[in-house]
Amino acid sequence: MSSILSFAPSVNARAAKLVDDLAANADALRCRVSTGQAGERCIDLGGGVPGGLEAGRRLGEICMGGLGTVTLTSSSGLERWPLGVVVHSSNPVVACLGSQYAGWTITDDAGFFALGSGPARALSRVEELYKELGYVDHHNKGALVIEGDNPPPPAVATKVAHACGINVADLTVLYAPTGSLAGTVQIAARVLEVALHKAHSLHFDLGNIVDGYGVAPIAPPIPDFVKAMGRTNDAIIYGGRIQLFVRGGDAEAEKLANALPSNTCSIYGKPFAEIFASVGGDFYKIDASLFSPAVVTVSNLDTGSSFHAGKLAPDIVDASFR
């Protein structure tokens, strides 16, 4: 991998400013700040509070470690569901894979389970992915994002802080359930991240990815967890669009474009909730190549060529969102 990642700033230092601003405006954002039993700061963006679209937008930027922007748009690309998010990063590899990706499996002996995302991951570096990225972050504060109704128990918060090498009081845990307003926005904001993750699985040189943009519709929230998970996945799989700006040869750029879209997966074509039910509710039995945007453009900065692949599936999104 090229040395492009060595220029990336601290995702935790940048996110800390965003987290503090969110906390300072929690009442206006319909969020709640509290101190956990272990001394960590907890911010509820949709579990026991209403939260909102703006809370979710900010959570998306925190997930990206302050190295990306998330904005609301009325031009998602889907006629019936125009409300969406636009995501951009000039440091997409670190923002998406080094911070936003939910790659930290957090458990305890009492049965707690969560997939942690956000900049705290780059402090713990417990995932093998960081050896490949070559990205190391150092900061005295960390922010962990969890998709759920409640913060982790105190023993887990202590465990997370220890893994990050920080005091528990310097850890902030932000959480919002999938079916909340904030939750559905921050998941839509992962449209670029899933493209980067699939590019990594396709063994494309991540050092050649220079810039990235994505847009996805915001799924209407629904209390049922499985339906909410289905809708938020469908928003990206059948309604998401991304553009990557890369360097290298046209053959590699075209190969990446052709392999990235979700319609390259053999199980593509049904709402995600139906696919989930067909595997008995075992998320890990689903072909991982499905988790990618619907439409892809790869633009080669070295040659000026662009390559397009994939298609939107508004009918499937309609069936899912109704």
C-alpha atoms as a PDB file:
ATOM      1  CA  MET A   1       0.000   0.000   0.000  1.00  0.00           C
ATOM      2  CA  SER A   2       1.257   3.492  -0.773  1.00  0.00           C
ATOM      3  CA  SER A   3       2.180   5.992   1.923  1.00  0.00           C
ATOM      4  CA  ILE A   4      -1.034   7.971   1.411  1.00  0.00           C
ATOM      5  CA  LEU A   5      -2.279   6.853   4.851  1.00  0.00           C
ATOM      6  CA  SER A   6       0.743   8.311   6.610  1.00  0.00           C
ATOM      7  CA  PHE A   7      -0.619  11.793   5.972  1.00  0.00           C
ATOM      8  CA  ALA A   8      -3.941  11.119   7.727  1.00  0.00           C
ATOM      9  CA  PRO A   9      -4.500  13.105  10.946  1.00  0.00           C
ATOM     10  CA  SER A  10      -5.857  11.722  14.209  1.00  0.00           C
ATOM     11  CA  VAL A  11      -9.445  10.552  13.804  1.00  0.00           C
ATOM     12  CA  ASN A  12      -9.974  10.686  17.564  1.00  0.00           C
ATOM     13  CA  ALA A  13      -8.660  14.237  17.902  1.00  0.00           C
ATOM     14  CA  ARG A  14     -10.912  15.415  15.087  1.00  0.00           C
ATOM     15  CA  ALA A  15     -13.927  13.460  16.322  1.00  0.00           C
ATOM     16  CA  ALA A  16     -13.475  14.740  19.879  1.00  0.00           C
ATOM     17  CA  LYS A  17     -14.407  18.248  18.743  1.00  0.00           C
ATOM     18  CA  LEU A  18     -17.545  16.948  17.034  1.00  0.00           C
ATOM     19  CA  VAL A  19     -18.502  14.854  20.076  1.00  0.00           C
ATOM     20  CA  ASP A  20     -18.073  17.794  22.453  1.00  0.00           C
ATOM     21  CA  ASP A  21     -20.182  20.013  20.203  1.00  0.00           C
ATOM     22  CA  LEU A  22     -22.912  17.374  20.018  1.00  0.00           C
ATOM     23  CA  ALA A  23     -22.877  17.043  23.805  1.00  0.00           C
ATOM     24  CA  ALA A  24     -23.066  20.819  24.249  1.00  0.00           C
ATOM     25  CA  ASN A  25     -26.143  20.911  22.008  1.00  0.00           C
ATOM     26  CA  ALA A  26     -27.736  17.682  23.228  1.00  0.00           C
ATOM     27  CA  ASP A  27     -30.982  19.289  24.400  1.00  0.00           C
ATOM     28  CA  ALA A  28     -31.559  21.040  21.086  1.00  0.00           C
ATOM     29  CA  LEU A  29     -30.777  17.802  19.236  1.00  0.00           C
ATOM     30  CA  ARG A  30     -33.133  15.805  21.481  1.00  0.00           C
ATOM     31  CA  CYS A  31     -30.250  13.683  22.735  1.00  0.00           C
ATOM     32  CA  ARG A  32     -29.187  12.864  26.291  1.00  0.00           C
ATOM     33  CA  VAL A  33     -25.741  12.963  27.880  1.00  0.00           C
ATOM     34  CA  SER A  34     -25.037  10.947  31.018  1.00  0.00           C
ATOM     35  CA  THR A  35     -22.150   9.463  32.959  1.00  0.00           C
ATOM     36  CA  GLY A  36     -21.943   5.688  33.037  1.00  0.00           C
ATOM     37  CA  GLN A  37     -21.229   3.625  36.135  1.00  0.00           C
ATOM     38  CA  ALA A  38     -17.587   3.223  35.142  1.00  0.00           C
ATOM     39  CA  GLY A  39     -17.207   6.975  34.622  1.00  0.00           C
ATOM     40  CA  GLU A  40     -17.507   7.009  30.823  1.00  0.00           C
ATOM     41  CA  ARG A  41     -19.603   9.614  29.023  1.00  0.00           C
ATOM     42  CA  CYS A  42     -22.674   8.188  27.285  1.00  0.00           C
ATOM     43  CA  ILE A  43     -24.669   9.968  24.598  1.00  0.00           C
ATOM     44  CA  ASP A  44     -28.063   8.554  23.693  1.00  0.00           C
ATOM     45  CA  LEU A  45     -29.156   9.643  20.219  1.00  0.00           C
ATOM     46  CA  GLY A  46     -32.296   7.559  19.862  1.00  0.00           C
ATOM     47  CA  GLY A  47     -32.658   4.793  22.452  1.00  0.00           C
ATOM     48  CA  GLY A  48     -34.586   6.562  25.202  1.00  0.00           C
ATOM     49  CA  VAL A  49     -34.827   9.919  23.458  1.00  0.00           C
ATOM     50  CA  PRO A  50     -36.309  11.090  20.131  1.00  0.00           C
ATOM     51  CA  GLY A  51     -33.019  12.166  18.547  1.00  0.00           C
ATOM     52  CA  GLY A  52     -33.494  13.245  14.937  1.00  0.00           C
ATOM     53  CA  LEU A  53     -32.073  13.576  11.444  1.00  0.00           C
ATOM     54  CA  GLU A  54     -29.496  16.149  12.521  1.00  0.00           C
ATOM     55  CA  ALA A  55     -28.334  13.950  15.380  1.00  0.00           C
ATOM     56  CA  GLY A  56     -27.853  11.133  12.886  1.00  0.00           C
ATOM     57  CA  ARG A  57     -26.009  13.392  10.457  1.00  0.00           C
ATOM     58  CA  ARG A  58     -23.594  14.403  13.186  1.00  0.00           C
ATOM     59  CA  LEU A  59     -23.212  10.795  14.307  1.00  0.00           C
ATOM     60  CA  GLY A  60     -22.234   9.867  10.756  1.00  0.00           C
ATOM     61  CA  GLU A  61     -19.442  12.450  10.780  1.00  0.00           C
ATOM     62  CA  ILE A  62     -18.256  11.251  14.199  1.00  0.00           C
ATOM     63  CA  CYS A  63     -18.178   7.690  12.877  1.00  0.00           C
ATOM     64  CA  MET A  64     -15.870   8.900  10.108  1.00  0.00           C
ATOM     65  CA  GLY A  65     -13.501  10.402  12.644  1.00  0.00           C
ATOM     66  CA  GLY A  66     -14.032  13.953  11.442  1.00  0.00           C
ATOM     67  CA  LEU A  67     -12.464  13.049   8.083  1.00  0.00           C
ATOM     68  CA  GLY A  68     -15.733  13.088   6.159  1.00  0.00           C
ATOM     69  CA  THR A  69     -18.824  15.208   5.693  1.00  0.00           C
ATOM     70  CA  VAL A  70     -22.427  14.034   5.827  1.00  0.00           C
ATOM     71  CA  THR A  71     -25.132  16.304   4.456  1.00  0.00           C
ATOM     72  CA  LEU A  72     -28.848  15.871   3.895  1.00  0.00           C
ATOM     73  CA  THR A  73     -30.177  16.056   0.354  1.00  0.00           C
ATOM     74  CA  SER A  74     -33.568  16.062  -1.349  1.00  0.00           C
ATOM     75  CA  SER A  75     -32.032  14.402  -4.426  1.00  0.00           C
ATOM     76  CA  SER A  76     -31.285  10.833  -3.371  1.00  0.00           C
ATOM     77  CA  GLY A  77     -31.848   9.579  -6.914  1.00  0.00           C
ATOM     78  CA  LEU A  78     -35.089   7.766  -6.044  1.00  0.00           C
ATOM     79  CA  GLU A  79     -38.278   9.551  -7.055  1.00  0.00           C
ATOM     80  CA  ARG A  80     -40.454   8.296  -4.189  1.00  0.00           C
ATOM     81  CA  TRP A  81     -37.743   8.597  -1.547  1.00  0.00           C
ATOM     82  CA  PRO A  82     -35.867  11.837  -2.322  1.00  0.00           C
ATOM     83  CA  LEU A  83     -34.568  12.418   1.216  1.00  0.00           C
ATOM     84  CA  GLY A  84     -31.039  11.103   1.476  1.00  0.00           C
ATOM     85  CA  VAL A  85     -27.495  11.677   2.638  1.00  0.00           C
ATOM     86  CA  VAL A  86     -24.455  12.769   0.683  1.00  0.00           C
ATOM     87  CA  VAL A  87     -21.147  11.511   2.054  1.00  0.00           C
ATOM     88  CA  HIS A  88     -17.708  12.730   1.035  1.00  0.00           C
ATOM     89  CA  SER A  89     -14.174  12.153   2.246  1.00  0.00           C
ATOM     90  CA  SER A  90     -10.785  13.242   0.984  1.00  0.00           C
ATOM     91  CA  ASN A  91      -9.292  10.550   3.222  1.00  0.00           C
ATOM     92  CA  PRO A  92     -11.761   7.747   2.453  1.00  0.00           C
ATOM     93  CA  VAL A  93      -9.596   4.791   3.486  1.00  0.00           C
ATOM     94  CA  VAL A  94      -8.902   6.077   6.984  1.00  0.00           C
ATOM     95  CA  ALA A  95     -12.336   7.707   7.405  1.00  0.00           C
ATOM     96  CA  CYS A  96     -14.256   4.626   6.297  1.00  0.00           C
ATOM     97  CA  LEU A  97     -12.091   1.628   7.141  1.00  0.00           C
ATOM     98  CA  GLY A  98      -9.902   3.146   9.844  1.00  0.00           C
ATOM     99  CA  SER A  99     -12.831   4.652  11.736  1.00  0.00           C
ATOM    100  CA  GLN A 100     -16.391   4.171  10.442  1.00  0.00           C
ATOM    101  CA  TYR A 101     -16.416   0.440   9.732  1.00  0.00           C
ATOM    102  CA  ALA A 102     -18.135  -1.602  12.478  1.00  0.00           C
ATOM    103  CA  GLY A 103     -15.284  -4.042  12.823  1.00  0.00           C
ATOM    104  CA  TRP A 104     -14.675  -4.261  16.576  1.00  0.00           C
ATOM    105  CA  THR A 105     -16.511  -7.204  18.148  1.00  0.00           C
ATOM    106  CA  ILE A 106     -17.135  -6.271  21.781  1.00  0.00           C
ATOM    107  CA  THR A 107     -18.383  -8.924  24.229  1.00  0.00           C
ATOM    108  CA  ASP A 108     -18.372  -9.846  27.896  1.00  0.00           C
ATOM    109  CA  ASP A 109     -19.025 -12.981  29.969  1.00  0.00           C
ATOM    110  CA  ALA A 110     -22.546 -11.803  30.801  1.00  0.00           C
ATOM    111  CA  GLY A 111     -23.712 -12.044  27.191  1.00  0.00           C
ATOM    112  CA  PHE A 112     -23.211  -8.486  25.967  1.00  0.00           C
ATOM    113  CA  PHE A 113     -22.474  -8.263  22.251  1.00  0.00           C
ATOM    114  CA  ALA A 114     -21.950  -5.252  20.016  1.00  0.00           C
ATOM    115  CA  LEU A 115     -20.072  -4.286  16.902  1.00  0.00           C
ATOM    116  CA  GLY A 116     -18.143  -1.156  17.691  1.00  0.00           C
ATOM    117  CA  SER A 117     -17.484   1.499  15.080  1.00  0.00           C
ATOM    118  CA  GLY A 118     -15.974   4.950  15.147  1.00  0.00           C
ATOM    119  CA  PRO A 119     -12.544   6.380  15.909  1.00  0.00           C
ATOM    120  CA  ALA A 120     -11.918   4.443  19.143  1.00  0.00           C
ATOM    121  CA  ARG A 121     -11.179   1.452  16.929  1.00  0.00           C
ATOM    122  CA  ALA A 122      -8.013   3.165  15.729  1.00  0.00           C
ATOM    123  CA  LEU A 123      -6.770   3.475  19.318  1.00  0.00           C
ATOM    124  CA  SER A 124      -7.379  -0.168  20.221  1.00  0.00           C
ATOM    125  CA  ARG A 125      -6.169  -1.574  16.890  1.00  0.00           C
ATOM    126  CA  VAL A 126      -7.423  -5.012  17.960  1.00  0.00           C
ATOM    127  CA  GLU A 127      -8.519  -5.807  14.391  1.00  0.00           C
ATOM    128  CA  GLU A 128      -6.184  -7.409  11.867  1.00  0.00           C
ATOM    129  CA  LEU A 129      -7.302  -4.761   9.366  1.00  0.00           C
ATOM    130  CA  TYR A 130      -5.066  -2.156  10.981  1.00  0.00           C
ATOM    131  CA  LYS A 131      -1.946  -4.143  10.171  1.00  0.00           C
ATOM    132  CA  GLU A 132      -2.864  -3.802   6.502  1.00  0.00           C
ATOM    133  CA  LEU A 133      -3.838  -0.150   6.727  1.00  0.00           C
ATOM    134  CA  GLY A 134      -0.686   0.836   8.532  1.00  0.00           C
ATOM    135  CA  TYR A 135      -2.638   3.557  10.313  1.00  0.00           C
ATOM    136  CA  VAL A 136      -1.914   4.307  13.956  1.00  0.00           C
ATOM    137  CA  ASP A 137      -3.803   6.870  16.007  1.00  0.00           C
ATOM    138  CA  HIS A 138      -2.725   8.371  19.340  1.00  0.00           C
ATOM    139  CA  HIS A 139      -5.010  10.562  21.419  1.00  0.00           C
ATOM    140  CA  ASN A 140      -6.068  10.881  25.052  1.00  0.00           C
ATOM    141  CA  LYS A 141      -9.790  10.685  24.245  1.00  0.00           C
ATOM    142  CA  GLY A 142     -11.783   8.129  22.291  1.00  0.00           C
ATOM    143  CA  ALA A 143     -15.279   7.868  20.824  1.00  0.00           C
ATOM    144  CA  LEU A 144     -17.029   4.547  20.262  1.00  0.00           C
ATOM    145  CA  VAL A 145     -20.301   4.207  18.317  1.00  0.00           C
ATOM    146  CA  ILE A 146     -22.728   1.341  18.951  1.00  0.00           C
ATOM    147  CA  GLU A 147     -25.897   0.522  17.043  1.00  0.00           C
ATOM    148  CA  GLY A 148     -28.292  -0.261  19.868  1.00  0.00           C
ATOM    149  CA  ASP A 149     -30.795   0.891  22.479  1.00  0.00           C
ATOM    150  CA  ASN A 150     -28.448   1.029  25.450  1.00  0.00           C
ATOM    151  CA  PRO A 151     -24.809   1.743  26.274  1.00  0.00           C
ATOM    152  CA  PRO A 152     -22.538  -1.157  27.256  1.00  0.00           C
ATOM    153  CA  PRO A 153     -22.355  -2.259  30.907  1.00  0.00           C
ATOM    154  CA  PRO A 154     -19.621  -0.696  33.077  1.00  0.00           C
ATOM    155  CA  ALA A 155     -17.268  -3.686  32.797  1.00  0.00           C
ATOM    156  CA  VAL A 156     -17.384  -3.417  29.003  1.00  0.00           C
ATOM    157  CA  ALA A 157     -16.774   0.335  29.065  1.00  0.00           C
ATOM    158  CA  THR A 158     -13.737  -0.273  31.254  1.00  0.00           C
ATOM    159  CA  LYS A 159     -12.539  -3.004  28.899  1.00  0.00           C
ATOM    160  CA  VAL A 160     -12.922  -0.720  25.873  1.00  0.00           C
ATOM    161  CA  ALA A 161     -11.058   2.155  27.538  1.00  0.00           C
ATOM    162  CA  HIS A 162      -8.234  -0.188  28.564  1.00  0.00           C
ATOM    163  CA  ALA A 163      -7.930  -1.511  25.000  1.00  0.00           C
ATOM    164  CA  CYS A 164      -7.740   2.090  23.761  1.00  0.00           C
ATOM    165  CA  GLY A 165      -5.101   3.034  26.305  1.00  0.00           C
ATOM    166  CA  ILE A 166      -7.179   5.870  27.777  1.00  0.00           C
ATOM    167  CA  ASN A 167      -8.903   6.632  31.058  1.00  0.00           C
ATOM    168  CA  VAL A 168     -12.524   5.494  31.253  1.00  0.00           C
ATOM    169  CA  ALA A 169     -13.531   9.111  31.919  1.00  0.00           C
ATOM    170  CA  ASP A 170     -12.062  10.026  28.526  1.00  0.00           C
ATOM    171  CA  LEU A 171     -14.207   7.502  26.646  1.00  0.00           C
ATOM    172  CA  THR A 172     -17.479   8.586  25.032  1.00  0.00           C
ATOM    173  CA  VAL A 173     -19.953   5.923  23.932  1.00  0.00           C
ATOM    174  CA  LEU A 174     -22.565   7.121  21.445  1.00  0.00           C
ATOM    175  CA  TYR A 175     -25.525   4.891  20.615  1.00  0.00           C
ATOM    176  CA  ALA A 176     -28.712   4.849  18.570  1.00  0.00           C
ATOM    177  CA  PRO A 177     -30.904   1.892  17.590  1.00  0.00           C
ATOM    178  CA  THR A 178     -31.297   0.872  13.955  1.00  0.00           C
ATOM    179  CA  GLY A 179     -34.948   1.907  13.861  1.00  0.00           C
ATOM    180  CA  SER A 180     -34.428   5.437  15.182  1.00  0.00           C
ATOM    181  CA  LEU A 181     -34.154   8.616  13.132  1.00  0.00           C
ATOM    182  CA  ALA A 182     -30.482   9.027  14.035  1.00  0.00           C
ATOM    183  CA  GLY A 183     -29.811   5.343  13.454  1.00  0.00           C
ATOM    184  CA  THR A 184     -31.249   5.238   9.958  1.00  0.00           C
ATOM    185  CA  VAL A 185     -29.267   8.344   8.940  1.00  0.00           C
ATOM    186  CA  GLN A 186     -25.921   7.124  10.254  1.00  0.00           C
ATOM    187  CA  ILE A 187     -26.402   3.774   8.499  1.00  0.00           C
ATOM    188  CA  ALA A 188     -27.228   5.465   5.182  1.00  0.00           C
ATOM    189  CA  ALA A 189     -24.015   7.436   5.692  1.00  0.00           C
ATOM    190  CA  ARG A 190     -22.109   4.135   5.377  1.00  0.00           C
ATOM    191  CA  VAL A 191     -22.741   3.970   1.631  1.00  0.00           C
ATOM    192  CA  LEU A 192     -19.135   4.954   0.893  1.00  0.00           C
ATOM    193  CA  GLU A 193     -17.761   2.738   3.655  1.00  0.00           C
ATOM    194  CA  VAL A 194     -19.307  -0.454   2.249  1.00  0.00           C
ATOM    195  CA  ALA A 195     -17.717   0.349  -1.114  1.00  0.00           C
ATOM    196  CA  LEU A 196     -14.306   0.732   0.530  1.00  0.00           C
ATOM    197  CA  HIS A 197     -14.775  -2.504   2.457  1.00  0.00           C
ATOM    198  CA  LYS A 198     -15.678  -4.398  -0.702  1.00  0.00           C
ATOM    199  CA  ALA A 199     -12.730  -2.843  -2.563  1.00  0.00           C
ATOM    200  CA  HIS A 200     -10.538  -4.189   0.215  1.00  0.00           C
ATOM    201  CA  SER A 201     -12.078  -7.665  -0.108  1.00  0.00           C
ATOM    202  CA  LEU A 202     -11.418  -7.502  -3.854  1.00  0.00           C
ATOM    203  CA  HIS A 203      -7.732  -6.838  -3.078  1.00  0.00           C
ATOM    204  CA  PHE A 204      -7.683  -3.457  -4.805  1.00  0.00           C
ATOM    205  CA  ASP A 205      -4.709  -1.403  -3.612  1.00  0.00           C
ATOM    206  CA  LEU A 206      -6.326   0.892  -1.045  1.00  0.00           C
ATOM    207  CA  GLY A 207      -3.400   3.260  -1.356  1.00  0.00           C
ATOM    208  CA  ASN A 208      -4.647   4.081  -4.856  1.00  0.00           C
ATOM    209  CA  ILE A 209      -8.023   5.330  -3.600  1.00  0.00           C
ATOM    210  CA  VAL A 210      -7.650   9.099  -3.320  1.00  0.00           C
ATOM    211  CA  ASP A 211     -11.147  10.509  -2.815  1.00  0.00           C
ATOM    212  CA  GLY A 212     -14.701   9.275  -2.508  1.00  0.00           C
ATOM    213  CA  TYR A 213     -18.331  10.350  -2.648  1.00  0.00           C
ATOM    214  CA  GLY A 214     -21.603   8.556  -1.981  1.00  0.00           C
ATOM    215  CA  VAL A 215     -25.346   9.149  -1.774  1.00  0.00           C
ATOM    216  CA  ALA A 216     -28.120   6.964  -0.393  1.00  0.00           C
ATOM    217  CA  PRO A 217     -31.779   7.399   0.522  1.00  0.00           C
ATOM    218  CA  ILE A 218     -32.719   7.589   4.195  1.00  0.00           C
ATOM    219  CA  ALA A 219     -34.961   4.680   5.130  1.00  0.00           C
ATOM    220  CA  PRO A 220     -38.141   5.535   7.072  1.00  0.00           C
ATOM    221  CA  PRO A 221     -37.611   4.427  10.686  1.00  0.00           C
ATOM    222  CA  ILE A 222     -39.625   1.482  11.995  1.00  0.00           C
ATOM    223  CA  PRO A 223     -39.609   0.009  15.544  1.00  0.00           C
ATOM    224  CA  ASP A 224     -39.278  -3.612  14.387  1.00  0.00           C
ATOM    225  CA  PHE A 225     -35.530  -4.361  14.463  1.00  0.00           C
ATOM    226  CA  VAL A 226     -35.474  -6.898  11.615  1.00  0.00           C
ATOM    227  CA  LYS A 227     -37.531  -4.634   9.358  1.00  0.00           C
ATOM    228  CA  ALA A 228     -35.356  -1.654  10.277  1.00  0.00           C
ATOM    229  CA  MET A 229     -32.229  -3.658   9.476  1.00  0.00           C
ATOM    230  CA  GLY A 230     -33.807  -4.669   6.178  1.00  0.00           C
ATOM    231  CA  ARG A 231     -34.698  -1.120   5.206  1.00  0.00           C
ATOM    232  CA  THR A 232     -31.340   0.387   6.097  1.00  0.00           C
ATOM    233  CA  ASN A 233     -29.484  -2.298   4.145  1.00  0.00           C
ATOM    234  CA  ASP A 234     -31.803  -1.939   1.153  1.00  0.00           C
ATOM    235  CA  ALA A 235     -31.176   1.806   1.088  1.00  0.00           C
ATOM    236  CA  ILE A 236     -27.549   1.113   0.170  1.00  0.00           C
ATOM    237  CA  ILE A 237     -27.808  -2.207  -1.682  1.00  0.00           C
ATOM    238  CA  TYR A 238     -30.596  -1.056  -4.019  1.00  0.00           C
ATOM    239  CA  GLY A 239     -30.484   2.744  -3.745  1.00  0.00           C
ATOM    240  CA  GLY A 240     -26.874   3.707  -3.009  1.00  0.00           C
ATOM    241  CA  ARG A 241     -24.471   5.374  -5.442  1.00  0.00           C
ATOM    242  CA  ILE A 242     -20.758   6.050  -5.039  1.00  0.00           C
ATOM    243  CA  GLN A 243     -17.873   7.488  -7.006  1.00  0.00           C
ATOM    244  CA  LEU A 244     -14.249   6.666  -6.255  1.00  0.00           C
ATOM    245  CA  PHE A 245     -11.267   8.625  -7.577  1.00  0.00           C
ATOM    246  CA  VAL A 246      -8.281   6.353  -7.975  1.00  0.00           C
ATOM    247  CA  ARG A 247      -4.794   6.143  -9.387  1.00  0.00           C
ATOM    248  CA  GLY A 248      -3.167   3.352 -11.375  1.00  0.00           C
ATOM    249  CA  GLY A 249      -4.006   1.607 -14.617  1.00  0.00           C
ATOM    250  CA  ASP A 250      -7.358   1.624 -16.398  1.00  0.00           C
ATOM    251  CA  ALA A 251      -7.546  -2.158 -16.329  1.00  0.00           C
ATOM    252  CA  GLU A 252      -7.531  -2.163 -12.513  1.00  0.00           C
ATOM    253  CA  ALA A 253      -9.991   0.738 -12.311  1.00  0.00           C
ATOM    254  CA  GLU A 254     -12.426  -0.920 -14.718  1.00  0.00           C
ATOM    255  CA  LYS A 255     -12.121  -4.257 -12.932  1.00  0.00           C
ATOM    256  CA  LEU A 256     -12.943  -2.563  -9.634  1.00  0.00           C
ATOM    257  CA  ALA A 257     -15.965  -0.764 -11.079  1.00  0.00           C
ATOM    258  CA  ASN A 258     -17.379  -3.948 -12.577  1.00  0.00           C
ATOM    259  CA  ALA A 259     -16.923  -5.960  -9.382  1.00  0.00           C
ATOM    260  CA  LEU A 260     -18.166  -3.428  -6.823  1.00  0.00           C
ATOM    261  CA  PRO A 261     -21.954  -3.104  -7.360  1.00  0.00           C
ATOM    262  CA  SER A 262     -24.365  -5.178  -5.311  1.00  0.00           C
ATOM    263  CA  ASN A 263     -25.943  -6.760  -8.406  1.00  0.00           C
ATOM    264  CA  THR A 264     -22.786  -8.859  -8.883  1.00  0.00           C
ATOM    265  CA  CYS A 265     -23.940 -10.982  -5.921  1.00  0.00           C
ATOM    266  CA  SER A 266     -25.917 -14.141  -6.709  1.00  0.00           C
ATOM    267  CA  ILE A 267     -28.549 -13.435  -4.025  1.00  0.00           C
ATOM    268  CA  TYR A 268     -29.233  -9.890  -5.237  1.00  0.00           C
ATOM    269  CA  GLY A 269     -32.831  -9.071  -6.128  1.00  0.00           C
ATOM    270  CA  LYS A 270     -34.974  -9.380  -2.989  1.00  0.00           C
ATOM    271  CA  PRO A 271     -35.531  -7.045  -0.026  1.00  0.00           C
ATOM    272  CA  PHE A 272     -32.895  -7.689   2.612  1.00  0.00           C
ATOM    273  CA  ALA A 273     -35.438  -8.790   5.224  1.00  0.00           C
ATOM    274  CA  GLU A 274     -36.469 -11.656   2.934  1.00  0.00           C
ATOM    275  CA  ILE A 275     -32.850 -12.653   2.365  1.00  0.00           C
ATOM    276  CA  PHE A 276     -32.238 -12.532   6.117  1.00  0.00           C
ATOM    277  CA  ALA A 277     -35.235 -14.798   6.763  1.00  0.00           C
ATOM    278  CA  SER A 278     -34.081 -17.257   4.090  1.00  0.00           C
ATOM    279  CA  VAL A 279     -30.866 -17.935   6.037  1.00  0.00           C
ATOM    280  CA  GLY A 280     -32.700 -18.448   9.310  1.00  0.00           C
ATOM    281  CA  GLY A 281     -31.748 -15.047  10.684  1.00  0.00           C
ATOM    282  CA  ASP A 282     -28.027 -15.815  10.625  1.00  0.00           C
ATOM    283  CA  PHE A 283     -26.414 -12.638   9.336  1.00  0.00           C
ATOM    284  CA  TYR A 284     -23.097 -14.375   8.747  1.00  0.00           C
ATOM    285  CA  LYS A 285     -24.618 -16.835   6.261  1.00  0.00           C
ATOM    286  CA  ILE A 286     -25.332 -13.996   3.824  1.00  0.00           C
ATOM    287  CA  ASP A 287     -22.855 -13.607   0.968  1.00  0.00           C
ATOM    288  CA  ALA A 288     -20.790 -10.580   2.001  1.00  0.00           C
ATOM    289  CA  SER A 289     -20.508  -9.381  -1.604  1.00  0.00           C
ATOM    290  CA  LEU A 290     -24.144  -8.223  -1.353  1.00  0.00           C
ATOM    291  CA  PHE A 291     -23.130  -5.414   0.993  1.00  0.00           C
ATOM    292  CA  SER A 292     -22.170  -2.764  -1.537  1.00  0.00           C
ATOM    293  CA  PRO A 293     -23.754   0.189  -3.334  1.00  0.00           C
ATOM    294  CA  ALA A 294     -26.161  -0.256  -6.231  1.00  0.00           C
ATOM    295  CA  VAL A 295     -24.320   2.043  -8.648  1.00  0.00           C
ATOM    296  CA  VAL A 296     -20.585   2.626  -8.952  1.00  0.00           C
ATOM    297  CA  THR A 297     -18.371   5.048 -10.859  1.00  0.00           C
ATOM    298  CA  VAL A 298     -14.595   4.702 -10.708  1.00  0.00           C
ATOM    299  CA  SER A 299     -12.637   7.647 -12.121  1.00  0.00           C
ATOM    300  CA  ASN A 300      -8.929   7.243 -12.838  1.00  0.00           C
ATOM    301  CA  LEU A 301      -6.972  10.395 -12.024  1.00  0.00           C
ATOM    302  CA  ASP A 302      -3.939   9.162 -13.961  1.00  0.00           C
ATOM    303  CA  THR A 303      -5.736   8.649 -17.272  1.00  0.00           C
ATOM    304  CA  GLY A 304      -8.959  10.647 -17.069  1.00  0.00           C
ATOM    305  CA  SER A 305     -11.051   7.546 -17.771  1.00  0.00           C
ATOM    306  CA  SER A 306     -14.214   6.694 -15.831  1.00  0.00           C
ATOM    307  CA  PHE A 307     -15.995   3.376 -15.563  1.00  0.00           C
ATOM    308  CA  HIS A 308     -19.622   2.807 -14.591  1.00  0.00           C
ATOM    309  CA  ALA A 309     -21.458  -0.285 -13.370  1.00  0.00           C
ATOM    310  CA  GLY A 310     -24.556  -1.342 -11.488  1.00  0.00           C
ATOM    311  CA  LYS A 311     -28.129  -0.067 -11.421  1.00  0.00           C
ATOM    312  CA  LEU A 312     -30.665   1.386  -9.014  1.00  0.00           C
ATOM    313  CA  ALA A 313     -33.606  -0.825  -8.038  1.00  0.00           C
ATOM    314  CA  PRO A 314     -36.371   1.593  -6.982  1.00  0.00           C
ATOM    315  CA  ASP A 315     -39.043  -1.127  -7.021  1.00  0.00           C
ATOM    316  CA  ILE A 316     -37.207  -3.131  -4.369  1.00  0.00           C
ATOM    317  CA  VAL A 317     -36.646  -0.022  -2.273  1.00  0.00           C
ATOM    318  CA  ASP A 318     -40.379   0.770  -2.543  1.00  0.00           C
ATOM    319  CA  ALA A 319     -41.287  -2.740  -1.396  1.00  0.00           C
ATOM    320  CA  SER A 320     -38.904  -2.446   1.543  1.00  0.00           C
ATOM    321  CA  PHE A 321     -39.761   1.086   2.644  1.00  0.00           C
ATOM    322  CA  ARG A 322     -43.573   0.786   2.517  1.00  0.00           C
END
